[in-house]
């Protein structure tokens, strides 16, 4: 009887000061393929000692040595070389990311292309960091200089692993900072592969360090470390609040991109077919594991019944399958913990609203963390499934009577990351856009994200901005320099 083939398990190490090193703990964290529930790799379980080594390397690289002397032009060239290597290895990176995160391979390919674009954008922006001459009422020259903030700790989530790394590393390198990147313990593999190319791109040792581990044992020491000057975090609002409190003791600069419960608003005059596609795409892309997911679907009453029926019919045709199959539209959730979380919300929703589609585990997939695309309707905006971030393929459809009610419901949330408005009436559309309290608002579209435009939220969705020129600003300090042009003594006594 033939034995079942075993999956090859690769063991990775920490990347500190330009070298691959073991963790002080000697322990490893298993990394899963969520479509098969098999271990595909092991990564070090880093602790405070490893964090201290990484921070020391980053601080030394920032304070002196080759990076201290690297010009903005050369930083830009380094970023272009990294982009070129990402494009060359795009197939391998996309496949690894699909296997590790569960996202469909077609989506992973888009993500990796965006990674390269991000490095290219900030490669061009590295030489565009400008100071100012300030007009002052004195015989003096007053300058405002822009300088790198120093050592940046960057903690990223598991839903867009390498893309979130690029969003943080690229502007930091362009600005001249040094970095310690901590990927999510569930999805660290593409970031670790990326580290292989840092030396050949021209980055001196210590400029970028990558440590793997849990939030409590590796992330918390980063936040508390006195030599870390900035924390950039993308993740849950709960963890974001902990980071803000912990960073206060050393008065670190903090930028947070946190959760969302984004309203996707459909007026009766919207293009109906486009609206249905936009509603489904907005909440089911990447298995709903998206901070900006349009998980609250607000529909004007004249089209409400027809809209719910059309959504449910199309949702039932969404193909769930293995991430590496190109026909797959939804893969598994990233982990058993996330699967259990989403399944619990499906059960909560059955008690709070009516079920139009899905509502359970995907029976067609015997293995893996698959759940059905789920649509609840007649949802009250006070319900848990309308107020709490589920981070999975669960939609809450809410009816509204008029423009004023749509705005009220849209803003009735502790979050404010994103929103979308669908209508052919430009006057009404822009009234709603202006009234919505969110950092990103799309019109007749859902989820387009461009490196050239700022990304971030209002309220409990965080503060600070990534991407665009704002992204590099978050890694810069402003220094005022006053040059006295009088040759006479000050004469104050």
Protein backbone atom coordinates (compact mmCIF):
# COMPACT_ATOMS: atom_id res chain seq x y z
CA UNK A 1 0.00 0.00 0.00
CA UNK A 2 1.53 3.32 -1.12
CA UNK A 3 2.20 5.81 1.65
CA UNK A 4 0.79 9.33 1.39
CA UNK A 5 3.38 11.89 0.19
CA UNK A 6 4.53 14.26 2.91
CA UNK A 7 4.69 18.00 2.43
CA UNK A 8 8.23 19.38 2.48
CA UNK A 9 8.68 21.64 5.51
CA UNK A 10 11.26 24.43 5.17
CA UNK A 11 12.87 25.97 8.24
CA UNK A 12 13.62 29.71 8.14
CA UNK A 13 15.74 31.96 10.37
CA UNK A 14 15.69 35.56 11.55
CA UNK A 15 17.29 38.23 9.37
CA UNK A 16 19.35 40.53 11.62
CA UNK A 17 22.22 42.82 10.62
CA UNK A 18 22.43 41.27 7.15
CA UNK A 19 22.71 37.70 8.42
CA UNK A 20 20.40 34.72 8.91
CA UNK A 21 20.48 33.82 12.59
CA UNK A 22 18.61 31.57 14.99
CA UNK A 23 16.32 32.83 17.73
CA UNK A 24 17.41 33.01 21.35
CA UNK A 25 14.51 30.76 22.32
CA UNK A 26 15.50 27.99 19.92
CA UNK A 27 11.79 27.42 19.32
CA UNK A 28 9.93 27.49 16.02
CA UNK A 29 6.41 28.43 14.97
CA UNK A 30 4.63 26.16 12.46
CA UNK A 31 3.35 27.90 9.33
CA UNK A 32 0.28 26.36 7.71
CA UNK A 33 -1.26 25.97 4.29
CA UNK A 34 -4.87 26.82 5.21
CA UNK A 35 -6.26 24.97 2.21
CA UNK A 36 -4.82 21.63 3.35
CA UNK A 37 -4.27 22.28 7.08
CA UNK A 38 -0.69 21.03 6.66
CA UNK A 39 2.53 22.57 7.98
CA UNK A 40 4.60 23.95 5.10
CA UNK A 41 7.33 25.82 7.01
CA UNK A 42 8.72 26.71 10.41
CA UNK A 43 9.89 30.16 11.49
CA UNK A 44 11.73 31.27 14.64
CA UNK A 45 9.78 32.18 17.76
CA UNK A 46 11.64 35.42 18.49
CA UNK A 47 11.71 36.98 21.94
CA UNK A 48 12.98 40.14 23.66
CA UNK A 49 16.65 39.17 23.25
CA UNK A 50 16.16 38.86 19.49
CA UNK A 51 14.31 42.17 19.40
CA UNK A 52 17.21 43.81 21.24
CA UNK A 53 19.69 42.41 18.69
CA UNK A 54 17.60 43.68 15.78
CA UNK A 55 17.10 47.13 17.29
CA UNK A 56 20.81 47.43 18.08
CA UNK A 57 21.64 46.58 14.47
CA UNK A 58 19.13 49.10 13.14
CA UNK A 59 20.36 51.84 15.48
CA UNK A 60 24.01 51.24 14.59
CA UNK A 61 23.18 51.34 10.89
CA UNK A 62 21.28 54.60 11.31
CA UNK A 63 23.85 56.35 13.50
CA UNK A 64 26.95 55.62 11.45
CA UNK A 65 28.40 53.62 8.62
CA UNK A 66 27.40 53.13 5.01
CA UNK A 67 23.70 53.91 5.36
CA UNK A 68 24.43 57.17 7.15
CA UNK A 69 26.35 58.30 4.04
CA UNK A 70 23.91 56.91 1.43
CA UNK A 71 22.44 59.68 -0.71
CA UNK A 72 18.77 60.04 -1.58
CA UNK A 73 19.66 59.20 -5.18
CA UNK A 74 21.21 55.91 -4.14
CA UNK A 75 18.29 55.08 -1.83
CA UNK A 76 16.03 55.52 -4.84
CA UNK A 77 18.19 53.21 -6.94
CA UNK A 78 18.08 50.56 -4.20
CA UNK A 79 14.28 50.66 -4.24
CA UNK A 80 14.22 50.35 -8.03
CA UNK A 81 16.51 47.32 -7.83
CA UNK A 82 14.22 45.72 -5.25
CA UNK A 83 11.22 46.35 -7.50
CA UNK A 84 13.02 44.74 -10.41
CA UNK A 85 13.81 41.64 -8.36
CA UNK A 86 10.21 41.37 -7.15
CA UNK A 87 8.99 41.46 -10.76
CA UNK A 88 11.54 38.81 -11.74
CA UNK A 89 10.43 36.52 -8.91
CA UNK A 90 6.73 37.40 -9.12
CA UNK A 91 5.58 33.88 -9.98
CA UNK A 92 7.34 32.28 -7.03
CA UNK A 93 6.20 35.00 -4.61
CA UNK A 94 2.57 34.82 -5.73
CA UNK A 95 2.45 31.05 -5.41
CA UNK A 96 4.06 31.13 -1.97
CA UNK A 97 1.69 33.85 -0.78
CA UNK A 98 -1.35 31.97 -2.08
CA UNK A 99 -0.25 28.78 -0.31
CA UNK A 100 0.56 30.58 2.94
CA UNK A 101 -2.44 32.94 3.16
CA UNK A 102 -5.15 31.05 1.27
CA UNK A 103 -5.87 33.86 -1.18
CA UNK A 104 -6.58 32.92 -4.82
CA UNK A 105 -3.48 32.90 -7.02
CA UNK A 106 -4.93 35.53 -9.37
CA UNK A 107 -5.34 37.94 -6.46
CA UNK A 108 -1.85 37.10 -5.17
CA UNK A 109 -0.40 37.97 -8.59
CA UNK A 110 -2.07 41.39 -8.47
CA UNK A 111 -0.69 41.91 -4.97
CA UNK A 112 2.89 41.09 -5.94
CA UNK A 113 2.67 43.44 -8.92
CA UNK A 114 1.53 46.16 -6.50
CA UNK A 115 4.53 45.38 -4.28
CA UNK A 116 6.90 46.19 -7.14
CA UNK A 117 4.92 49.32 -8.01
CA UNK A 118 5.18 50.49 -4.41
CA UNK A 119 8.97 50.18 -4.39
CA UNK A 120 9.15 51.96 -7.74
CA UNK A 121 6.96 54.83 -6.54
CA UNK A 122 9.04 55.49 -3.45
CA UNK A 123 12.22 54.98 -5.47
CA UNK A 124 11.17 58.04 -7.44
CA UNK A 125 10.02 59.93 -4.35
CA UNK A 126 13.31 59.47 -2.46
CA UNK A 127 14.82 62.51 -4.23
CA UNK A 128 11.69 64.66 -3.82
CA UNK A 129 11.92 65.24 -0.06
CA UNK A 130 12.09 69.02 0.06
CA UNK A 131 12.76 71.50 2.83
CA UNK A 132 11.59 75.12 3.00
CA UNK A 133 12.95 78.60 3.46
CA UNK A 134 10.78 80.39 6.03
CA UNK A 135 10.22 84.15 5.70
CA UNK A 136 11.07 85.61 9.12
CA UNK A 137 11.07 89.27 10.28
CA UNK A 138 14.80 89.46 10.91
CA UNK A 139 18.11 89.67 9.11
CA UNK A 140 18.38 85.91 9.16
CA UNK A 141 17.88 82.81 7.09
CA UNK A 142 15.34 80.37 8.52
CA UNK A 143 15.27 76.86 7.08
CA UNK A 144 13.04 73.83 7.60
CA UNK A 145 14.96 70.62 6.96
CA UNK A 146 13.40 67.16 6.55
CA UNK A 147 15.34 64.32 8.14
CA UNK A 148 14.66 60.59 8.71
CA UNK A 149 12.96 59.83 12.01
CA UNK A 150 15.41 57.04 12.90
CA UNK A 151 14.65 53.44 13.79
CA UNK A 152 11.19 52.28 12.72
CA UNK A 153 9.45 49.15 13.98
CA UNK A 154 6.87 47.88 11.50
CA UNK A 155 4.24 45.32 12.49
CA UNK A 156 2.13 43.96 9.65
CA UNK A 157 -0.99 41.77 9.33
CA UNK A 158 -1.58 38.45 7.64
CA UNK A 159 -4.10 39.41 4.94
CA UNK A 160 -1.72 41.09 2.44
CA UNK A 161 1.67 39.88 3.69
CA UNK A 162 4.28 41.21 1.26
CA UNK A 163 2.18 44.17 0.13
CA UNK A 164 1.82 45.46 3.70
CA UNK A 165 5.58 45.00 4.13
CA UNK A 166 6.17 47.09 1.00
CA UNK A 167 3.79 49.83 2.17
CA UNK A 168 6.02 50.26 5.23
CA UNK A 169 9.53 49.38 4.07
CA UNK A 170 9.53 51.39 0.84
CA UNK A 171 8.78 54.86 2.31
CA UNK A 172 11.03 54.18 5.32
CA UNK A 173 13.99 53.31 3.08
CA UNK A 174 13.26 56.28 0.82
CA UNK A 175 13.31 58.58 3.85
CA UNK A 176 16.60 57.14 5.13
CA UNK A 177 15.26 55.27 8.17
CA UNK A 178 16.29 51.82 9.36
CA UNK A 179 13.68 49.15 10.06
CA UNK A 180 12.71 46.12 12.06
CA UNK A 181 9.84 44.37 10.28
CA UNK A 182 7.69 41.85 12.15
CA UNK A 183 5.42 39.90 9.80
CA UNK A 184 2.34 38.16 11.16
CA UNK A 185 3.26 34.75 12.55
CA UNK A 186 0.66 33.15 10.24
CA UNK A 187 2.08 34.55 6.97
CA UNK A 188 5.80 35.41 7.21
CA UNK A 189 7.15 33.48 4.25
CA UNK A 190 7.22 36.01 1.41
CA UNK A 191 8.80 38.68 3.64
CA UNK A 192 11.56 36.24 4.59
CA UNK A 193 12.15 35.30 0.95
CA UNK A 194 12.29 39.01 0.09
CA UNK A 195 15.09 39.50 2.65
CA UNK A 196 17.39 37.35 0.50
CA UNK A 197 17.57 40.16 -2.06
CA UNK A 198 18.32 43.07 0.27
CA UNK A 199 22.15 42.84 0.14
CA UNK A 200 22.36 42.52 -3.64
CA UNK A 201 20.09 45.57 -4.00
CA UNK A 202 22.67 47.57 -2.07
CA UNK A 203 21.21 47.78 1.44
CA UNK A 204 23.95 47.78 4.09
CA UNK A 205 23.61 45.39 7.05
CA UNK A 206 21.19 46.52 9.73
CA UNK A 207 19.05 48.77 7.53
CA UNK A 208 16.26 46.19 7.29
CA UNK A 209 15.90 43.44 9.88
CA UNK A 210 13.11 40.86 9.87
CA UNK A 211 12.01 39.01 12.99
CA UNK A 212 9.22 36.47 13.30
CA UNK A 213 7.24 35.73 16.41
CA UNK A 214 4.07 36.36 18.34
CA UNK A 215 2.76 39.78 19.28
CA UNK A 216 3.24 39.26 23.02
CA UNK A 217 6.85 38.03 22.82
CA UNK A 218 8.21 39.87 19.76
CA UNK A 219 5.83 42.73 18.95
CA UNK A 220 5.47 44.09 22.50
CA UNK A 221 9.24 44.44 23.13
CA UNK A 222 9.53 46.37 19.86
CA UNK A 223 6.89 48.84 20.97
CA UNK A 224 8.52 49.31 24.37
CA UNK A 225 12.13 49.54 23.21
CA UNK A 226 13.61 52.98 23.97
CA UNK A 227 15.76 53.00 20.81
CA UNK A 228 12.77 52.56 18.49
CA UNK A 229 11.66 56.00 17.29
CA UNK A 230 8.51 55.05 15.40
CA UNK A 231 5.90 52.30 15.32
CA UNK A 232 3.92 51.58 12.17
CA UNK A 233 1.14 49.07 12.77
CA UNK A 234 -1.61 47.59 10.64
CA UNK A 235 -4.07 45.32 12.40
CA UNK A 236 -6.98 45.23 14.79
CA UNK A 237 -8.26 48.22 16.75
CA UNK A 238 -7.85 46.23 19.97
CA UNK A 239 -4.12 45.75 19.43
CA UNK A 240 -3.76 49.30 18.10
CA UNK A 241 -5.03 50.71 21.39
CA UNK A 242 -2.52 48.60 23.32
CA UNK A 243 0.30 49.90 21.11
CA UNK A 244 -0.66 53.55 21.63
CA UNK A 245 -0.64 53.10 25.40
CA UNK A 246 2.65 51.19 25.41
CA UNK A 247 4.38 53.68 23.08
CA UNK A 248 3.38 56.61 25.28
CA UNK A 249 6.10 55.92 27.87
CA UNK A 250 8.83 56.67 25.32
CA UNK A 251 6.73 59.14 23.29
CA UNK A 252 7.23 57.26 20.05
CA UNK A 253 5.73 58.43 16.78
CA UNK A 254 2.90 56.01 15.97
CA UNK A 255 0.87 55.44 12.82
CA UNK A 256 -2.04 53.04 12.91
CA UNK A 257 -4.16 51.50 10.15
CA UNK A 258 -6.79 49.58 12.06
CA UNK A 259 -10.11 47.89 11.46
CA UNK A 260 -13.19 48.93 9.58
CA UNK A 261 -16.89 48.29 9.15
CA UNK A 262 -17.19 50.12 5.89
CA UNK A 263 -20.58 51.15 4.43
CA UNK A 264 -21.19 50.33 0.77
CA UNK A 265 -24.16 52.57 -0.11
CA UNK A 266 -26.46 51.84 -3.06
CA UNK A 267 -29.07 54.36 -4.18
CA UNK A 268 -32.00 53.32 -6.36
CA UNK A 269 -30.62 55.19 -9.40
CA UNK A 270 -27.30 53.27 -9.43
CA UNK A 271 -26.46 51.01 -12.38
CA UNK A 272 -28.00 47.82 -11.05
CA UNK A 273 -25.67 45.16 -12.49
CA UNK A 274 -22.54 47.13 -11.63
CA UNK A 275 -23.92 47.70 -8.15
CA UNK A 276 -24.48 43.98 -7.54
CA UNK A 277 -20.93 43.19 -8.67
CA UNK A 278 -19.60 46.02 -6.50
CA UNK A 279 -21.46 44.77 -3.45
CA UNK A 280 -20.14 41.21 -3.83
CA UNK A 281 -16.59 42.26 -4.71
CA UNK A 282 -16.50 44.72 -1.84
CA UNK A 283 -17.17 42.12 0.83
CA UNK A 284 -15.94 38.81 -0.65
CA UNK A 285 -12.61 39.79 -2.23
CA UNK A 286 -9.72 38.06 -0.41
CA UNK A 287 -12.33 35.97 1.49
CA UNK A 288 -13.51 39.15 3.19
CA UNK A 289 -10.20 39.39 5.03
CA UNK A 290 -9.84 43.05 4.14
CA UNK A 291 -9.76 45.99 6.54
CA UNK A 292 -11.71 48.16 4.07
CA UNK A 293 -14.30 45.47 3.19
CA UNK A 294 -17.72 46.89 2.40
CA UNK A 295 -19.34 44.58 4.90
CA UNK A 296 -22.29 46.88 5.67
CA UNK A 297 -24.32 47.02 2.47
CA UNK A 298 -26.83 49.88 2.63
CA UNK A 299 -29.57 49.64 -0.02
CA UNK A 300 -32.32 52.17 -0.79
CA UNK A 301 -35.77 50.68 -0.22
CA UNK A 302 -37.18 50.91 -3.80
CA UNK A 303 -34.55 48.37 -4.99
CA UNK A 304 -33.96 46.57 -1.70
CA UNK A 305 -35.78 43.26 -2.29
CA UNK A 306 -34.54 42.91 -5.86
CA UNK A 307 -31.00 43.78 -4.72
CA UNK A 308 -30.91 41.15 -1.97
CA UNK A 309 -32.26 38.48 -4.31
CA UNK A 310 -29.71 39.31 -7.03
CA UNK A 311 -26.84 39.36 -4.53
CA UNK A 312 -27.84 35.99 -3.10
CA UNK A 313 -28.18 34.41 -6.55
CA UNK A 314 -24.72 35.59 -7.64
CA UNK A 315 -23.07 34.74 -4.31
CA UNK A 316 -24.10 31.13 -4.77
CA UNK A 317 -22.07 30.99 -8.01
CA UNK A 318 -18.81 32.17 -6.41
CA UNK A 319 -16.29 29.36 -6.88
CA UNK A 320 -14.54 28.24 -3.71
CA UNK A 321 -11.46 26.16 -4.28
CA UNK A 322 -7.74 25.60 -3.76
CA UNK A 323 -5.78 28.87 -3.92
CA UNK A 324 -3.50 27.71 -6.75
CA UNK A 325 -6.39 26.94 -9.14
CA UNK A 326 -6.91 29.92 -11.42
CA UNK A 327 -10.70 29.51 -11.47
CA UNK A 328 -10.90 29.95 -7.69
CA UNK A 329 -12.62 33.16 -6.55
CA UNK A 330 -12.52 32.48 -2.80
CA UNK A 331 -9.96 30.42 -0.94
CA UNK A 332 -9.83 29.33 2.70
CA UNK A 333 -9.55 31.67 5.65
CA UNK A 334 -6.01 32.14 6.88
CA UNK A 335 -6.11 30.00 10.03
CA UNK A 336 -8.18 27.81 12.32
CA UNK A 337 -8.57 30.73 14.74
CA UNK A 338 -9.95 32.95 12.00
CA UNK A 339 -12.19 30.17 10.73
CA UNK A 340 -13.65 29.70 14.21
CA UNK A 341 -14.16 33.46 14.57
CA UNK A 342 -16.06 33.78 11.29
CA UNK A 343 -18.13 30.67 11.96
CA UNK A 344 -19.16 32.11 15.34
CA UNK A 345 -20.34 35.32 13.65
CA UNK A 346 -22.33 33.29 11.13
CA UNK A 347 -24.19 31.79 14.07
CA UNK A 348 -24.64 35.20 15.71
CA UNK A 349 -26.06 36.54 12.46
CA UNK A 350 -28.68 33.79 12.29
CA UNK A 351 -30.08 35.09 15.59
CA UNK A 352 -29.95 38.77 14.59
CA UNK A 353 -31.19 38.84 10.98
CA UNK A 354 -32.45 36.82 8.02
CA UNK A 355 -30.14 34.64 5.95
CA UNK A 356 -30.11 35.06 2.15
CA UNK A 357 -27.05 32.98 1.26
CA UNK A 358 -24.39 30.80 2.87
CA UNK A 359 -24.17 30.74 6.62
CA UNK A 360 -21.93 27.75 7.21
CA UNK A 361 -18.84 25.81 6.32
CA UNK A 362 -18.22 25.14 2.63
CA UNK A 363 -19.38 21.53 2.34
CA UNK A 364 -17.76 21.15 -1.08
CA UNK A 365 -14.28 21.47 0.48
CA UNK A 366 -13.59 18.52 2.83
CA UNK A 367 -10.26 19.97 4.01
CA UNK A 368 -9.17 23.48 4.79
CA UNK A 369 -10.64 26.52 6.53
CA UNK A 370 -13.37 27.25 4.00
CA UNK A 371 -16.61 29.06 4.78
CA UNK A 372 -19.47 29.95 2.48
CA UNK A 373 -19.94 33.51 1.24
CA UNK A 374 -22.68 34.63 3.61
CA UNK A 375 -25.35 37.32 3.22
CA UNK A 376 -27.64 38.46 6.02
CA UNK A 377 -30.46 40.91 5.29
CA UNK A 378 -32.94 43.00 7.24
CA UNK A 379 -30.02 43.74 9.54
CA UNK A 380 -30.41 46.47 12.15
CA UNK A 381 -27.33 48.67 12.28
CA UNK A 382 -27.08 48.10 16.03
CA UNK A 383 -26.62 44.34 15.54
CA UNK A 384 -23.27 42.79 16.31
CA UNK A 385 -22.79 41.69 12.71
CA UNK A 386 -23.22 45.34 11.68
CA UNK A 387 -21.02 46.89 14.38
CA UNK A 388 -18.17 44.41 14.93
CA UNK A 389 -15.42 43.69 12.43
CA UNK A 390 -15.76 40.06 11.35
CA UNK A 391 -12.89 39.99 8.84
CA UNK A 392 -14.46 37.28 6.76
CA UNK A 393 -17.00 36.76 3.95
CA UNK A 394 -20.08 37.88 5.91
CA UNK A 395 -22.27 40.71 4.58
CA UNK A 396 -24.91 42.66 6.51
CA UNK A 397 -27.53 44.19 4.19
CA UNK A 398 -29.36 47.17 5.70
CA UNK A 399 -32.29 49.05 4.10
CA UNK A 400 -32.55 52.85 4.15
CA UNK A 401 -35.34 55.25 3.15
CA UNK A 402 -33.51 58.36 1.95
CA UNK A 403 -30.20 60.20 1.71
CA UNK A 404 -30.27 61.49 5.28
CA UNK A 405 -30.88 58.03 6.70
CA UNK A 406 -28.10 56.54 4.56
CA UNK A 407 -25.65 59.08 5.96
CA UNK A 408 -26.80 58.49 9.53
CA UNK A 409 -26.42 54.72 9.25
CA UNK A 410 -23.09 54.98 7.42
CA UNK A 411 -21.58 57.12 10.18
CA UNK A 412 -23.11 55.10 13.04
CA UNK A 413 -19.99 53.03 13.67
CA UNK A 414 -16.84 53.39 15.76
CA UNK A 415 -14.81 52.91 12.58
CA UNK A 416 -14.05 55.22 9.69
CA UNK A 417 -11.67 53.58 7.25
CA UNK A 418 -13.55 53.45 3.96
CA UNK A 419 -16.94 53.81 2.26
CA UNK A 420 -18.45 53.65 -1.20
CA UNK A 421 -21.39 55.48 -2.81
CA UNK A 422 -23.24 54.21 -5.89
CA UNK A 423 -25.50 56.63 -7.79
CA UNK A 424 -25.88 58.41 -11.14
CA UNK A 425 -26.86 61.66 -9.37
CA UNK A 426 -23.62 63.64 -9.04
CA UNK A 427 -25.14 66.23 -6.69
CA UNK A 428 -26.45 63.64 -4.27
CA UNK A 429 -23.27 61.59 -4.55
CA UNK A 430 -21.01 64.44 -3.52
CA UNK A 431 -23.28 65.52 -0.70
CA UNK A 432 -22.95 62.01 0.70
CA UNK A 433 -19.19 61.88 0.06
CA UNK A 434 -18.72 65.10 2.05
CA UNK A 435 -20.93 63.87 4.90
CA UNK A 436 -19.29 60.48 5.42
CA UNK A 437 -16.68 60.25 8.16
CA UNK A 438 -14.12 57.98 6.51
CA UNK A 439 -10.57 58.30 5.23
CA UNK A 440 -11.29 56.73 1.83
CA UNK A 441 -14.52 57.11 -0.17
CA UNK A 442 -15.08 55.45 -3.53
CA UNK A 443 -17.79 56.48 -6.01
CA UNK A 444 -19.34 53.78 -8.22
CA UNK A 445 -16.49 51.44 -7.34
CA UNK A 446 -15.22 49.44 -4.37
CA UNK A 447 -11.67 48.71 -3.21
CA UNK A 448 -9.39 50.32 -5.84
CA UNK A 449 -6.13 51.15 -4.06
CA UNK A 450 -3.29 53.10 -5.62
CA UNK A 451 0.16 53.72 -4.19
CA UNK A 452 -0.08 57.34 -5.35
CA UNK A 453 -3.03 58.17 -3.06
CA UNK A 454 -3.12 58.36 0.78
CA UNK A 455 -4.56 55.46 2.77
CA UNK A 456 -5.84 55.65 6.34
CA UNK A 457 -8.89 56.14 8.50
CA UNK A 458 -10.91 58.30 10.85
CA UNK A 459 -12.06 57.45 14.39
CA UNK A 460 -11.06 53.99 15.62
CA UNK A 461 -9.73 53.05 12.20
CA UNK A 462 -6.49 54.72 13.18
CA UNK A 463 -4.41 57.80 12.47
CA UNK A 464 -1.60 58.75 10.15
CA UNK A 465 -1.51 57.88 6.46
CA UNK A 466 0.30 55.38 4.28
CA UNK A 467 0.94 55.58 0.52
CA UNK A 468 1.34 58.66 -1.64
CA UNK A 469 3.53 61.54 -0.45
CA UNK A 470 1.87 61.17 2.97
CA UNK A 471 3.53 57.77 3.34
CA UNK A 472 7.05 59.17 3.37
CA UNK A 473 6.04 62.12 5.57
CA UNK A 474 5.32 59.67 8.39
CA UNK A 475 9.03 58.70 8.41
CA UNK A 476 10.41 62.26 8.49
CA UNK A 477 11.18 64.78 11.20
CA UNK A 478 11.23 68.55 10.63
CA UNK A 479 14.21 70.51 11.90
CA UNK A 480 14.20 74.32 12.07
CA UNK A 481 17.58 75.97 11.42
CA UNK A 482 18.10 79.69 12.15
CA UNK A 483 21.12 81.40 10.58
CA UNK A 484 21.86 84.87 11.92
CA UNK A 485 23.06 87.24 9.17
CA UNK A 486 23.82 90.16 11.49
CA UNK A 487 27.51 90.72 12.16
CA UNK A 488 26.76 92.83 15.25
CA UNK A 489 26.38 91.41 18.78
CA UNK A 490 22.87 90.47 19.87
CA UNK A 491 23.00 93.21 22.50
CA UNK A 492 20.50 91.92 25.03
CA UNK A 493 22.35 93.29 28.03
